[in-house]
Amino acid sequence: MKKTWGQAVTELVSGRGVEVSSACRLFGRSRQAYYRLRACGVKPSLSERSILEKVDAIRSEAPGIGCRKLWLMLCSVFGRERMPGRDRFFRLLRRRGLVLARPKPRRTTDSNHRYHKWKNLVRGFTPTAANQLWVADITYIPLECGGTCYLHLVTDAYSHKVVGHKVSPSLRASESLDALRQAIAHAVAVRGTDRLDGLVHHSDRGVQYCCDAYIGELGRHGISVSMTEDYNPTDNAVAERVNGIIKQEAVNRRRAFADIATAGEVIGRYIDFYNTRRPHMSIGNNTPETAHAGSGEQKRLWKRKKRWGMEKMTMEDSIFAAILSGGPMGPPDKDRECKVKRHISRCDVNHSCTSIQSV
């Protein structure tokens, strides 16, 4: 059985006559630490059963807590001297099947397929009316049983109105196709014709959107196909934003849905609220339903956050801001500031960034 350093020091002192201070130095400990340990007494080590019972109690409150956090919590409960080492504790949990699997990122996009991947047609394009650009995406919805259902969305990029949606148990292309057909039915009713020429459908390169059935449905109605190319979420920003709003306001702030039927009912009610009653700053604080009936450039009421007001600064001002804030040229320095002032007065501001590096 492996001995503690305190037991080893006791044996050296009592059995071999080694001085306490000399024996303690062999283990990098002080004499005071040895006497303190003896005064406290050596506490018996914990049984595996005691450890596992406490692990179960903690996991009942926090099912996803990891092994390292468990070990630290048990050390604070039982005392570090009674707990087994971290690696031994991990081996115990692994032997009992209590090590949690690393969570896998939820992916709703599978772009590794045989279908044709289309070019991005909408980079830099800003729609000026409804039914000029649709964006499509899929997001997951957690269920109470630990499973997942999926929300397939088609959104008008001009009005941000959800024009088609489907809550389904799978990522099958037929589910995305149902959401698309819902959107097409609305647009056909408005235009009075099956042809929707001039409309672009933009999505990621997932197999649902690239498959023959989906592309064929778009082609039958004269809808152009556009897809992201750089795996960048900003290439489908409106769709990602709508996903986020629905998840934040209708999903994440409540308990997980009991089943898919409940999820579909609640999300359907929320989408109706979203379309008809919820104002958006990106469309002039109008509702998507109101914006959908209008035309012209949308008035965005949100502003990008600006850092230090740099867009209003001259080159000279920005240089001094960097100096005074200890920026890339180092910490503030009075002598250096004077040198920079003299240098700027002699050189062209347009080339000052290059010139000042040598000051």
Protein backbone atom coordinates (compact mmCIF):
# COMPACT_ATOMS: atom_id res chain seq x y z
CA MET A 1 0.00 0.00 0.00
CA LYS A 2 1.30 3.42 -0.91
CA LYS A 3 2.29 5.50 2.13
CA THR A 4 1.72 9.17 2.68
CA TRP A 5 4.70 11.45 3.27
CA GLY A 6 3.65 11.81 6.92
CA GLN A 7 3.74 8.06 7.47
CA ALA A 8 7.15 7.84 5.80
CA VAL A 9 8.56 10.60 8.02
CA THR A 10 7.22 8.84 11.13
CA GLU A 11 8.93 5.60 10.13
CA LEU A 12 12.24 7.36 9.48
CA VAL A 13 12.11 9.18 12.79
CA SER A 14 10.96 6.28 14.98
CA GLY A 15 12.61 3.38 13.16
CA ARG A 16 15.91 4.84 11.98
CA GLY A 17 16.51 7.74 14.30
CA VAL A 18 16.52 10.40 11.59
CA GLU A 19 15.83 13.93 12.82
CA VAL A 20 12.34 15.24 12.05
CA SER A 21 13.59 18.29 10.12
CA SER A 22 15.94 16.17 7.99
CA ALA A 23 13.23 13.60 7.21
CA CYS A 24 10.75 16.35 6.28
CA ARG A 25 13.26 17.94 3.90
CA LEU A 26 13.43 14.68 1.96
CA PHE A 27 9.78 15.24 0.97
CA GLY A 28 9.97 19.01 0.54
CA ARG A 29 7.94 19.58 3.71
CA SER A 30 8.54 21.65 6.82
CA ARG A 31 8.69 20.35 10.39
CA GLN A 32 5.67 22.49 11.27
CA ALA A 33 3.63 20.81 8.51
CA TYR A 34 4.54 17.38 9.92
CA TYR A 35 3.46 18.25 13.46
CA ARG A 36 0.30 19.87 12.16
CA LEU A 37 -0.50 16.68 10.26
CA ARG A 38 0.04 14.57 13.38
CA ALA A 39 -2.17 16.87 15.45
CA CYS A 40 -5.02 16.51 12.98
CA GLY A 41 -4.58 12.77 12.73
CA VAL A 42 -4.65 10.76 9.54
CA LYS A 43 -8.23 10.46 8.38
CA PRO A 44 -9.35 7.18 6.83
CA SER A 45 -9.66 7.18 3.06
CA LEU A 46 -13.10 7.19 1.52
CA SER A 47 -14.77 4.09 0.22
CA GLU A 48 -15.75 3.93 -3.43
CA ARG A 49 -19.36 3.61 -2.36
CA SER A 50 -19.26 6.94 -0.48
CA ILE A 51 -17.71 8.66 -3.45
CA LEU A 52 -20.20 7.24 -5.95
CA GLU A 53 -23.18 8.11 -3.75
CA LYS A 54 -22.04 11.72 -3.63
CA VAL A 55 -21.44 11.72 -7.38
CA ASP A 56 -25.01 10.50 -7.92
CA ALA A 57 -26.36 13.21 -5.59
CA ILE A 58 -24.51 15.96 -7.47
CA ARG A 59 -25.43 14.58 -10.89
CA SER A 60 -29.11 14.51 -9.90
CA GLU A 61 -28.94 18.32 -9.66
CA ALA A 62 -26.49 18.91 -12.51
CA PRO A 63 -26.62 15.96 -14.91
CA GLY A 64 -24.05 17.46 -17.27
CA ILE A 65 -21.33 18.26 -14.76
CA GLY A 66 -17.94 16.90 -15.78
CA CYS A 67 -15.40 14.74 -13.97
CA ARG A 68 -12.96 17.53 -13.11
CA LYS A 69 -15.68 19.66 -11.51
CA LEU A 70 -16.95 16.62 -9.60
CA TRP A 71 -13.48 15.94 -8.20
CA LEU A 72 -13.07 19.55 -7.04
CA MET A 73 -16.51 19.54 -5.42
CA LEU A 74 -15.86 16.27 -3.60
CA CYS A 75 -12.49 17.56 -2.39
CA SER A 76 -14.27 20.51 -0.79
CA VAL A 77 -16.89 18.21 0.75
CA PHE A 78 -14.68 15.40 2.09
CA GLY A 79 -11.32 17.14 2.29
CA ARG A 80 -8.44 16.79 -0.11
CA GLU A 81 -6.50 14.46 2.17
CA ARG A 82 -9.30 11.87 2.11
CA MET A 83 -10.07 12.01 -1.59
CA PRO A 84 -8.20 9.83 -4.08
CA GLY A 85 -6.04 11.60 -6.63
CA ARG A 86 -7.65 13.12 -9.68
CA ASP A 87 -6.51 10.42 -12.12
CA ARG A 88 -7.58 7.62 -9.79
CA PHE A 89 -10.97 9.31 -9.39
CA PHE A 90 -11.30 9.54 -13.17
CA ARG A 91 -10.48 5.84 -13.51
CA LEU A 92 -13.18 5.02 -10.96
CA LEU A 93 -15.80 6.98 -12.89
CA ARG A 94 -14.69 5.43 -16.17
CA ARG A 95 -14.90 1.94 -14.70
CA ARG A 96 -18.45 2.63 -13.53
CA GLY A 97 -19.50 4.20 -16.85
CA LEU A 98 -19.96 7.66 -15.34
CA VAL A 99 -17.68 9.61 -17.67
CA LEU A 100 -19.86 11.79 -19.87
CA ALA A 101 -19.44 11.61 -23.61
CA ARG A 102 -18.13 14.79 -25.16
CA PRO A 103 -21.14 16.66 -26.57
CA LYS A 104 -21.24 16.64 -30.33
CA PRO A 105 -22.01 19.92 -32.08
CA ARG A 106 -25.44 19.81 -33.63
CA ARG A 107 -25.16 20.02 -37.37
CA THR A 108 -28.10 20.63 -39.62
CA THR A 109 -26.01 21.15 -42.76
CA ASP A 110 -24.51 18.26 -44.69
CA SER A 111 -22.69 19.68 -47.69
CA ASN A 112 -20.73 16.50 -48.40
CA HIS A 113 -22.97 15.07 -51.10
CA ARG A 114 -23.07 14.34 -54.82
CA TYR A 115 -25.46 17.14 -55.80
CA HIS A 116 -24.46 20.30 -57.63
CA LYS A 117 -23.57 23.25 -55.38
CA TRP A 118 -24.79 26.54 -56.81
CA LYS A 119 -23.06 29.92 -56.90
CA ASN A 120 -23.81 32.78 -54.53
CA LEU A 121 -25.96 35.21 -56.54
CA VAL A 122 -26.88 37.64 -53.76
CA ARG A 123 -23.57 38.90 -52.44
CA GLY A 124 -24.00 42.66 -52.19
CA PHE A 125 -27.66 42.48 -53.28
CA THR A 126 -30.28 44.43 -51.28
CA PRO A 127 -33.94 43.64 -52.03
CA THR A 128 -36.33 46.57 -52.43
CA ALA A 129 -39.61 44.63 -52.27
CA ALA A 130 -41.04 41.38 -51.01
CA ASN A 131 -40.62 38.15 -53.00
CA GLN A 132 -37.32 39.21 -54.52
CA LEU A 133 -35.11 37.18 -52.18
CA TRP A 134 -35.98 34.27 -49.92
CA VAL A 135 -33.53 32.75 -47.45
CA ALA A 136 -33.88 29.23 -46.05
CA ASP A 137 -32.33 27.46 -43.10
CA ILE A 138 -32.89 24.68 -40.55
CA THR A 139 -32.45 24.82 -36.80
CA TYR A 140 -32.86 22.21 -34.07
CA ILE A 141 -35.41 22.30 -31.22
CA PRO A 142 -34.69 20.25 -28.05
CA LEU A 143 -37.38 17.96 -26.62
CA GLU A 144 -38.06 16.98 -23.02
CA CYS A 145 -37.19 13.34 -23.67
CA GLY A 146 -33.68 14.36 -24.69
CA GLY A 147 -34.44 14.06 -28.40
CA THR A 148 -34.55 16.72 -31.06
CA CYS A 149 -36.93 18.00 -33.67
CA TYR A 150 -36.14 20.41 -36.48
CA LEU A 151 -37.59 23.69 -37.67
CA HIS A 152 -37.38 24.25 -41.43
CA LEU A 153 -37.77 27.92 -42.35
CA VAL A 154 -38.17 30.05 -45.45
CA THR A 155 -37.97 33.80 -44.79
CA ASP A 156 -38.43 36.81 -47.04
CA ALA A 157 -35.17 38.79 -46.82
CA TYR A 158 -36.88 42.13 -47.51
CA SER A 159 -39.62 42.03 -44.87
CA HIS A 160 -38.12 39.35 -42.57
CA LYS A 161 -41.49 37.62 -42.72
CA VAL A 162 -41.48 33.85 -42.23
CA VAL A 163 -43.30 32.73 -45.38
CA GLY A 164 -42.90 28.98 -44.85
CA HIS A 165 -42.11 26.75 -41.90
CA LYS A 166 -42.32 23.13 -40.83
CA VAL A 167 -41.53 21.46 -37.48
CA SER A 168 -40.49 17.89 -38.18
CA PRO A 169 -38.77 14.92 -36.53
CA SER A 170 -36.05 14.70 -39.18
CA LEU A 171 -33.77 16.54 -41.57
CA ARG A 172 -35.27 14.87 -44.64
CA ALA A 173 -35.47 16.99 -47.77
CA SER A 174 -39.23 16.36 -47.97
CA GLU A 175 -39.69 18.41 -44.76
CA SER A 176 -37.78 21.38 -46.20
CA LEU A 177 -39.80 20.96 -49.38
CA ASP A 178 -43.05 21.31 -47.40
CA ALA A 179 -41.86 24.66 -46.00
CA LEU A 180 -40.88 25.78 -49.52
CA ARG A 181 -44.27 24.84 -50.99
CA GLN A 182 -45.99 26.80 -48.25
CA ALA A 183 -43.96 29.88 -49.21
CA ILE A 184 -44.61 29.35 -52.93
CA ALA A 185 -48.37 29.08 -52.31
CA HIS A 186 -48.38 32.48 -50.58
CA ALA A 187 -46.34 34.14 -53.34
CA VAL A 188 -48.48 32.62 -56.12
CA ALA A 189 -51.63 33.93 -54.40
CA VAL A 190 -50.14 37.45 -54.35
CA ARG A 191 -48.84 37.45 -57.96
CA GLY A 192 -51.73 35.53 -59.44
CA THR A 193 -49.43 33.28 -61.47
CA ASP A 194 -47.38 30.13 -60.93
CA ARG A 195 -44.31 31.80 -62.38
CA LEU A 196 -42.20 33.65 -59.79
CA ASP A 197 -39.54 34.98 -62.15
CA GLY A 198 -37.14 37.45 -60.55
CA LEU A 199 -37.25 35.67 -57.19
CA VAL A 200 -33.99 34.23 -55.79
CA HIS A 201 -33.88 31.42 -53.22
CA HIS A 202 -30.72 31.58 -51.09
CA SER A 203 -29.58 28.88 -48.66
CA ASP A 204 -26.55 26.97 -47.43
CA ARG A 205 -25.25 24.00 -49.42
CA GLY A 206 -27.02 21.35 -47.37
CA VAL A 207 -28.26 18.24 -49.12
CA GLN A 208 -31.87 19.26 -48.45
CA TYR A 209 -31.48 22.33 -50.67
CA CYS A 210 -29.27 20.75 -53.34
CA CYS A 211 -31.29 17.60 -53.97
CA ASP A 212 -33.15 17.09 -57.24
CA ALA A 213 -36.65 17.38 -55.73
CA TYR A 214 -35.96 20.76 -54.10
CA ILE A 215 -34.13 22.25 -57.10
CA GLY A 216 -36.86 20.92 -59.39
CA GLU A 217 -39.58 22.64 -57.37
CA LEU A 218 -37.71 25.94 -57.59
CA GLY A 219 -37.20 25.51 -61.34
CA ARG A 220 -40.89 24.80 -62.01
CA HIS A 221 -41.75 28.23 -60.64
CA GLY A 222 -38.88 30.13 -62.27
CA ILE A 223 -37.05 30.75 -58.99
CA SER A 224 -33.28 31.25 -59.25
CA VAL A 225 -30.98 29.24 -56.98
CA SER A 226 -28.26 30.82 -54.85
CA MET A 227 -26.10 29.23 -52.16
CA THR A 228 -23.40 30.24 -49.71
CA GLU A 229 -19.83 29.49 -50.75
CA ASP A 230 -17.55 30.34 -47.82
CA TYR A 231 -19.14 28.49 -44.85
CA ASN A 232 -19.64 31.94 -43.33
CA PRO A 233 -22.86 32.50 -41.31
CA THR A 234 -22.97 36.13 -42.47
CA ASP A 235 -23.57 34.87 -46.02
CA ASN A 236 -27.04 33.88 -44.81
CA ALA A 237 -27.38 36.49 -42.08
CA VAL A 238 -31.16 37.09 -42.25
CA ALA A 239 -31.93 33.38 -41.93
CA GLU A 240 -29.50 32.98 -39.04
CA ARG A 241 -30.99 36.03 -37.31
CA VAL A 242 -34.55 34.74 -37.60
CA ASN A 243 -33.40 31.36 -36.27
CA GLY A 244 -31.83 33.11 -33.30
CA ILE A 245 -34.91 35.18 -32.53
CA ILE A 246 -37.21 32.16 -32.56
CA LYS A 247 -34.83 30.10 -30.42
CA GLN A 248 -34.30 32.93 -27.92
CA GLU A 249 -37.88 34.10 -27.57
CA ALA A 250 -39.92 30.92 -28.08
CA VAL A 251 -37.63 28.03 -27.16
CA ASN A 252 -34.74 28.79 -24.81
CA ARG A 253 -36.73 30.67 -22.17
CA ARG A 254 -39.08 27.79 -21.44
CA ARG A 255 -38.87 24.13 -20.55
CA ALA A 256 -38.16 21.72 -23.35
CA PHE A 257 -41.21 20.72 -25.37
CA ALA A 258 -42.90 17.48 -24.34
CA ASP A 259 -43.18 16.24 -27.93
CA ILE A 260 -43.05 17.34 -31.55
CA ALA A 261 -46.77 18.15 -31.66
CA THR A 262 -46.41 20.58 -28.75
CA ALA A 263 -43.31 22.13 -30.32
CA GLY A 264 -45.14 22.62 -33.62
CA GLU A 265 -48.15 24.21 -31.92
CA VAL A 266 -46.13 26.63 -29.77
CA ILE A 267 -43.72 27.62 -32.55
CA GLY A 268 -46.61 28.07 -34.99
CA ARG A 269 -48.29 30.50 -32.57
CA TYR A 270 -45.02 32.34 -32.06
CA ILE A 271 -44.39 32.70 -35.81
CA ASP A 272 -47.86 34.22 -36.18
CA PHE A 273 -46.98 36.67 -33.40
CA TYR A 274 -43.57 37.32 -34.98
CA ASN A 275 -45.05 38.07 -38.40
CA THR A 276 -47.99 40.22 -37.32
CA ARG A 277 -47.13 41.88 -34.01
CA ARG A 278 -43.40 41.94 -33.34
CA PRO A 279 -41.63 45.11 -34.58
CA HIS A 280 -38.13 44.91 -36.09
CA MET A 281 -35.55 47.66 -35.92
CA SER A 282 -34.07 46.45 -39.22
CA ILE A 283 -37.34 47.26 -41.03
CA GLY A 284 -38.10 50.62 -39.43
CA ASN A 285 -39.79 49.13 -36.35
CA ASN A 286 -42.56 47.76 -38.54
CA THR A 287 -43.91 44.24 -38.30
CA PRO A 288 -42.85 41.82 -41.05
CA GLU A 289 -46.46 41.68 -42.28
CA THR A 290 -46.54 45.47 -42.74
CA ALA A 291 -43.10 45.57 -44.37
CA HIS A 292 -44.09 42.73 -46.71
CA ALA A 293 -46.80 44.88 -48.24
CA GLY A 294 -44.48 47.84 -48.84
CA SER A 295 -41.56 48.57 -51.14
CA GLY A 296 -38.45 50.72 -51.27
CA GLU A 297 -35.29 50.57 -49.20
CA GLN A 298 -35.86 49.55 -45.61
CA LYS A 299 -34.93 51.98 -42.86
CA ARG A 300 -32.61 50.32 -40.36
CA LEU A 301 -32.85 51.82 -36.89
CA TRP A 302 -30.02 49.84 -35.34
CA LYS A 303 -26.46 51.17 -35.47
CA ARG A 304 -23.17 49.40 -35.48
CA LYS A 305 -21.23 49.83 -32.27
CA LYS A 306 -18.36 52.23 -32.79
CA ARG A 307 -15.09 51.96 -30.97
CA TRP A 308 -13.63 55.16 -29.57
CA GLY A 309 -15.35 57.21 -32.27
CA MET A 310 -12.46 56.40 -34.58
CA GLU A 311 -14.51 57.04 -37.70
CA LYS A 312 -14.59 60.75 -36.76
CA MET A 313 -10.89 60.96 -36.01
CA THR A 314 -8.20 62.25 -38.28
CA MET A 315 -5.07 60.19 -38.75
CA GLU A 316 -3.27 62.46 -36.31
CA ASP A 317 -5.98 62.02 -33.65
CA SER A 318 -5.91 58.25 -33.97
CA ILE A 319 -2.13 58.19 -33.54
CA PHE A 320 -2.34 60.19 -30.32
CA ALA A 321 -5.19 57.97 -29.08
CA ALA A 322 -2.96 54.94 -29.57
CA ILE A 323 -0.11 56.62 -27.70
CA LEU A 324 -2.22 57.84 -24.77
CA SER A 325 -3.94 54.47 -24.36
CA GLY A 326 -0.73 52.47 -24.50
CA GLY A 327 -1.67 51.02 -27.87
CA PRO A 328 0.50 49.22 -30.42
CA MET A 329 3.32 51.74 -29.99
CA GLY A 330 3.74 50.87 -26.31
CA PRO A 331 2.81 52.52 -23.01
CA PRO A 332 2.30 56.30 -22.76
CA ASP A 333 5.49 58.24 -22.92
CA LYS A 334 5.73 62.09 -22.71
CA ASP A 335 9.02 62.34 -24.60
CA ARG A 336 7.71 60.07 -27.33
CA GLU A 337 4.53 62.14 -27.60
CA CYS A 338 6.56 65.30 -28.18
CA LYS A 339 8.64 63.54 -30.83
CA VAL A 340 5.50 62.36 -32.60
CA LYS A 341 4.02 65.89 -32.57
CA ARG A 342 7.17 67.30 -34.16
CA HIS A 343 7.31 64.45 -36.66
CA ILE A 344 3.68 64.86 -37.76
CA SER A 345 4.22 68.55 -38.38
CA ARG A 346 7.01 67.66 -40.83
CA CYS A 347 5.49 64.71 -42.68
CA ASP A 348 2.43 63.95 -44.74
CA VAL A 349 -0.37 62.54 -42.59
CA ASN A 350 -1.17 60.00 -45.31
CA HIS A 351 2.19 58.36 -44.75
CA SER A 352 2.39 58.91 -41.01
CA CYS A 353 1.61 55.32 -40.04
CA THR A 354 4.74 54.12 -41.80
CA SER A 355 6.90 57.04 -40.70
CA ILE A 356 5.98 56.99 -37.04
CA GLN A 357 7.03 53.39 -36.60
CA SER A 358 10.61 54.61 -36.85
CA VAL A 359 10.23 57.39 -34.26
